[in-house]
């Protein structure tokens, strides 16, 4: 039971800290949250392409390579 009580106390502490962080965020930015500036959306799209495109291309090349091996050999 001692371990269970410690876990509950830690969870309660975490929830209280999280509530304090959320309240501080609301005080700073309001209920709507942060507003996007001009150029934020294109910057996020470019960064998403730069992050995701290499991985997608590698997976695509592996699939094409596997298909080539099965069809030709």
Protein backbone atom coordinates (compact mmCIF):
# COMPACT_ATOMS: atom_id res chain seq x y z
CA UNK A 1 0.00 0.00 0.00
CA UNK A 2 2.89 2.38 0.64
CA UNK A 3 3.94 2.36 -3.00
CA UNK A 4 0.35 2.95 -4.16
CA UNK A 5 0.04 5.97 -1.84
CA UNK A 6 3.31 7.42 -3.15
CA UNK A 7 2.13 6.97 -6.73
CA UNK A 8 -1.18 8.71 -5.97
CA UNK A 9 0.64 11.57 -4.23
CA UNK A 10 2.99 11.99 -7.20
CA UNK A 11 0.07 11.96 -9.66
CA UNK A 12 -1.79 14.56 -7.59
CA UNK A 13 1.32 16.76 -7.46
CA UNK A 14 1.77 16.43 -11.23
CA UNK A 15 -1.85 17.41 -11.90
CA UNK A 16 -1.56 20.45 -9.62
CA UNK A 17 1.63 21.60 -11.37
CA UNK A 18 0.04 21.07 -14.78
CA UNK A 19 -2.99 23.12 -13.75
CA UNK A 20 -0.67 25.93 -12.62
CA UNK A 21 1.15 25.86 -15.97
CA UNK A 22 -2.12 25.95 -17.89
CA UNK A 23 -3.35 28.90 -15.81
CA UNK A 24 -0.10 30.80 -16.40
CA UNK A 25 -0.39 30.11 -20.13
CA UNK A 26 -3.99 31.40 -20.19
CA UNK A 27 -2.95 34.55 -18.30
CA UNK A 28 -0.14 35.21 -20.76
CA UNK A 29 -1.88 34.36 -24.05
CA UNK A 30 -5.59 34.47 -23.25
CA UNK A 31 -8.16 31.81 -24.07
CA UNK A 32 -7.41 31.82 -27.81
CA UNK A 33 -3.77 30.84 -27.40
CA UNK A 34 -0.97 32.20 -29.52
CA UNK A 35 -1.79 33.98 -32.74
CA UNK A 36 0.10 33.02 -35.88
CA UNK A 37 2.18 35.68 -37.53
CA UNK A 38 2.42 36.34 -41.24
CA UNK A 39 4.55 33.65 -42.83
CA UNK A 40 4.18 31.09 -40.02
CA UNK A 41 2.04 28.66 -42.01
CA UNK A 42 4.38 28.52 -45.05
CA UNK A 43 7.34 28.07 -42.70
CA UNK A 44 5.61 25.17 -40.96
CA UNK A 45 4.73 23.55 -44.29
CA UNK A 46 8.30 23.86 -45.57
CA UNK A 47 9.71 22.40 -42.36
CA UNK A 48 7.20 19.53 -42.48
CA UNK A 49 8.23 18.70 -46.05
CA UNK A 50 11.92 18.84 -45.11
CA UNK A 51 11.35 16.48 -42.20
CA UNK A 52 8.91 14.01 -43.78
CA UNK A 53 10.00 13.89 -47.42
CA UNK A 54 13.35 12.07 -46.92
CA UNK A 55 11.70 9.34 -44.86
CA UNK A 56 8.89 8.88 -47.34
CA UNK A 57 11.37 8.70 -50.22
CA UNK A 58 13.46 6.05 -48.43
CA UNK A 59 10.37 3.92 -47.77
CA UNK A 60 9.26 4.35 -51.38
CA UNK A 61 12.68 3.33 -52.68
CA UNK A 62 12.65 0.24 -50.47
CA UNK A 63 9.22 -0.77 -51.76
CA UNK A 64 10.23 -0.22 -55.38
CA UNK A 65 13.46 -2.16 -54.81
CA UNK A 66 11.59 -5.07 -53.25
CA UNK A 67 9.07 -5.10 -56.10
CA UNK A 68 11.91 -5.01 -58.64
CA UNK A 69 13.59 -8.01 -57.00
CA UNK A 70 10.36 -10.02 -57.02
CA UNK A 71 9.42 -9.17 -60.59
CA UNK A 72 12.80 -9.38 -62.31
CA UNK A 73 14.38 -12.23 -60.36
